Amino acid sequence: MRCFPPGTGRVYGATAHEAAVLVEVPGPFFRELLQRYPQSYPVVLDLISQRLWSAISMIEEDALRGTQARIGQRLLFLSQMQRGGKPEGGPVTVRLTREHIANMMGMTRQGVHRTLKAFEAQGLITLGYGRITIEDEAALREHLATLN
């Protein structure tokens, strides 16, 4: 969902790694829908709150954590998004290259590669061509807790 105050531009971008449909709802029309269907307010507020929490968490991680913790936390975030709210359980594959992660996080591809290989050696992830499989989110989370 894109939500900007009137007159402001896009502050982030997105890349689709497979076929996707992008729908942009003009602000005035969206506000009209909210007035027509006030029961949707809690859903919209929850989505905005989740987005704000995610942004603040990422800023905190980037400012306070080392490379392994930053990359691990981002993988957990991406796996959570990939699951789409379903409960944890089993591997989650994210279609993303090392270069995409490096660009996303302002790191070098080589630094990301070293960290991902270390995670793979510990059995936390499996690397494939253009994809990363998080084998066990709980195990990755436990590993990251030891880094703090």
Protein backbone atom coordinates (compact mmCIF):
# COMPACT_ATOMS: atom_id res chain seq x y z
CA MET A 1 0.00 0.00 0.00
CA ARG A 2 1.31 3.42 -0.89
CA CYS A 3 0.31 6.18 1.45
CA PHE A 4 1.76 9.69 1.10
CA PRO A 5 0.54 13.09 2.16
CA PRO A 6 -0.87 15.13 -0.72
CA GLY A 7 1.79 16.79 -2.85
CA THR A 8 4.68 14.55 -1.83
CA GLY A 9 6.58 12.18 -4.06
CA ARG A 10 7.55 8.55 -3.81
CA VAL A 11 10.21 7.99 -1.14
CA TYR A 12 11.11 4.40 -1.95
CA GLY A 13 11.16 2.03 -4.87
CA ALA A 14 10.32 -1.58 -5.45
CA THR A 15 11.52 -4.26 -7.83
CA ALA A 16 9.32 -7.15 -8.95
CA HIS A 17 11.26 -10.39 -9.40
CA GLU A 18 8.40 -12.07 -11.21
CA ALA A 19 5.16 -11.05 -12.93
CA ALA A 20 3.24 -8.57 -10.78
CA VAL A 21 0.37 -6.14 -10.99
CA LEU A 22 0.82 -2.71 -9.46
CA VAL A 23 -2.28 -0.79 -8.46
CA GLU A 24 -2.09 2.83 -7.40
CA VAL A 25 -5.18 4.34 -5.85
CA PRO A 26 -5.30 8.16 -6.00
CA GLY A 27 -5.44 9.75 -2.54
CA PRO A 28 -8.83 11.49 -2.95
CA PHE A 29 -10.44 8.26 -4.16
CA PHE A 30 -8.87 6.30 -1.28
CA ARG A 31 -10.19 8.80 1.27
CA GLU A 32 -13.63 8.55 -0.36
CA LEU A 33 -13.49 4.74 0.01
CA LEU A 34 -12.58 5.10 3.68
CA GLN A 35 -15.55 7.42 4.22
CA ARG A 36 -17.86 5.02 2.41
CA TYR A 37 -16.52 1.97 4.31
CA PRO A 38 -15.44 3.16 7.78
CA GLN A 39 -15.09 -0.46 8.93
CA SER A 40 -11.87 -0.57 6.87
CA TYR A 41 -10.10 1.97 9.11
CA PRO A 42 -8.74 -0.66 11.58
CA VAL A 43 -7.29 -2.71 8.72
CA VAL A 44 -5.65 0.35 7.14
CA LEU A 45 -4.27 1.52 10.48
CA ASP A 46 -2.85 -1.96 11.17
CA LEU A 47 -1.10 -1.97 7.78
CA ILE A 48 0.34 1.50 8.32
CA SER A 49 1.44 0.56 11.86
CA GLN A 50 3.19 -2.58 10.57
CA ARG A 51 4.98 -0.54 7.91
CA LEU A 52 6.10 2.08 10.46
CA TRP A 53 7.27 -0.63 12.88
CA SER A 54 9.24 -2.31 10.08
CA ALA A 55 10.88 0.96 9.03
CA ILE A 56 11.87 1.88 12.60
CA SER A 57 13.19 -1.64 13.25
CA MET A 58 15.33 -1.54 10.10
CA ILE A 59 16.72 1.88 10.97
CA GLU A 60 17.60 0.65 14.45
CA GLU A 61 19.22 -2.52 13.10
CA ASP A 62 21.25 -0.56 10.56
CA ALA A 63 22.46 1.91 13.18
CA LEU A 64 23.23 -0.44 16.06
CA ARG A 65 24.08 -3.90 14.76
CA GLY A 66 26.96 -5.56 12.98
CA THR A 67 26.85 -6.97 9.46
CA GLN A 68 25.71 -10.50 10.42
CA ALA A 69 22.89 -9.22 12.62
CA ARG A 70 21.76 -6.70 10.01
CA ILE A 71 21.65 -9.27 7.21
CA GLY A 72 20.06 -11.92 9.43
CA GLN A 73 17.35 -9.54 10.60
CA ARG A 74 16.64 -8.52 7.01
CA LEU A 75 16.31 -12.18 6.01
CA LEU A 76 13.85 -12.73 8.85
CA PHE A 77 11.87 -9.67 7.76
CA LEU A 78 11.80 -10.88 4.15
CA SER A 79 10.73 -14.38 5.18
CA GLN A 80 7.93 -12.91 7.29
CA MET A 81 6.76 -10.88 4.29
CA GLN A 82 7.01 -13.97 2.05
CA ARG A 83 4.88 -16.00 4.47
CA GLY A 84 2.21 -13.31 4.29
CA GLY A 85 1.12 -13.56 7.91
CA LYS A 86 1.02 -17.36 8.01
CA PRO A 87 2.62 -18.95 11.10
CA GLU A 88 6.25 -19.98 11.02
CA GLY A 89 7.01 -23.55 10.11
CA GLY A 90 9.27 -25.01 7.48
CA PRO A 91 11.66 -23.36 5.07
CA VAL A 92 10.86 -20.05 3.38
CA THR A 93 12.42 -19.17 0.02
CA VAL A 94 12.98 -15.54 -0.92
CA ARG A 95 13.73 -14.75 -4.57
CA LEU A 96 16.61 -12.36 -4.10
CA THR A 97 20.24 -12.20 -5.16
CA ARG A 98 23.21 -11.25 -3.02
CA GLU A 99 23.50 -8.10 -5.12
CA HIS A 100 19.89 -7.14 -4.36
CA ILE A 101 20.51 -7.53 -0.64
CA ALA A 102 23.72 -5.50 -0.88
CA ASN A 103 21.93 -2.70 -2.74
CA MET A 104 18.98 -2.82 -0.34
CA MET A 105 21.25 -2.48 2.68
CA GLY A 106 24.00 -0.22 1.37
CA MET A 107 26.66 -2.93 1.65
CA THR A 108 29.10 -4.54 -0.73
CA ARG A 109 28.10 -7.73 -2.51
CA GLN A 110 31.28 -9.37 -1.20
CA GLY A 111 30.42 -8.53 2.42
CA VAL A 112 26.91 -9.88 1.99
CA HIS A 113 28.30 -13.01 0.31
CA ARG A 114 30.67 -13.73 3.22
CA THR A 115 27.87 -13.42 5.75
CA LEU A 116 25.45 -15.56 3.73
CA LYS A 117 28.11 -18.26 3.27
CA ALA A 118 28.69 -18.26 7.04
CA PHE A 119 24.93 -18.66 7.62
CA GLU A 120 24.87 -21.47 5.04
CA ALA A 121 27.81 -23.26 6.71
CA GLN A 122 25.79 -23.25 9.95
CA GLY A 123 22.75 -24.73 8.20
CA LEU A 124 20.64 -21.61 8.75
CA ILE A 125 20.06 -20.89 5.06
CA THR A 126 20.54 -22.51 1.67
CA LEU A 127 21.78 -20.43 -1.24
CA GLY A 128 20.50 -21.04 -4.74
CA TYR A 129 20.61 -19.18 -8.03
CA GLY A 130 18.67 -15.97 -7.43
CA ARG A 131 17.14 -17.24 -4.19
CA ILE A 132 17.84 -17.73 -0.52
CA THR A 133 16.00 -20.31 1.58
CA ILE A 134 15.74 -19.61 5.27
CA GLU A 135 15.67 -23.17 6.60
CA ASP A 136 14.46 -22.43 10.12
CA GLU A 137 13.47 -18.92 11.15
CA ALA A 138 13.62 -19.76 14.86
CA ALA A 139 17.17 -21.12 14.53
CA LEU A 140 18.27 -18.00 12.65
CA ARG A 141 16.64 -15.80 15.31
CA GLU A 142 18.42 -17.77 18.08
CA HIS A 143 21.75 -17.40 16.26
CA LEU A 144 21.22 -13.64 15.93
CA ALA A 145 20.48 -13.38 19.66
CA THR A 146 23.99 -14.70 20.36
CA LEU A 147 25.46 -11.81 18.36
CA ASN A 148 24.03 -9.10 20.63
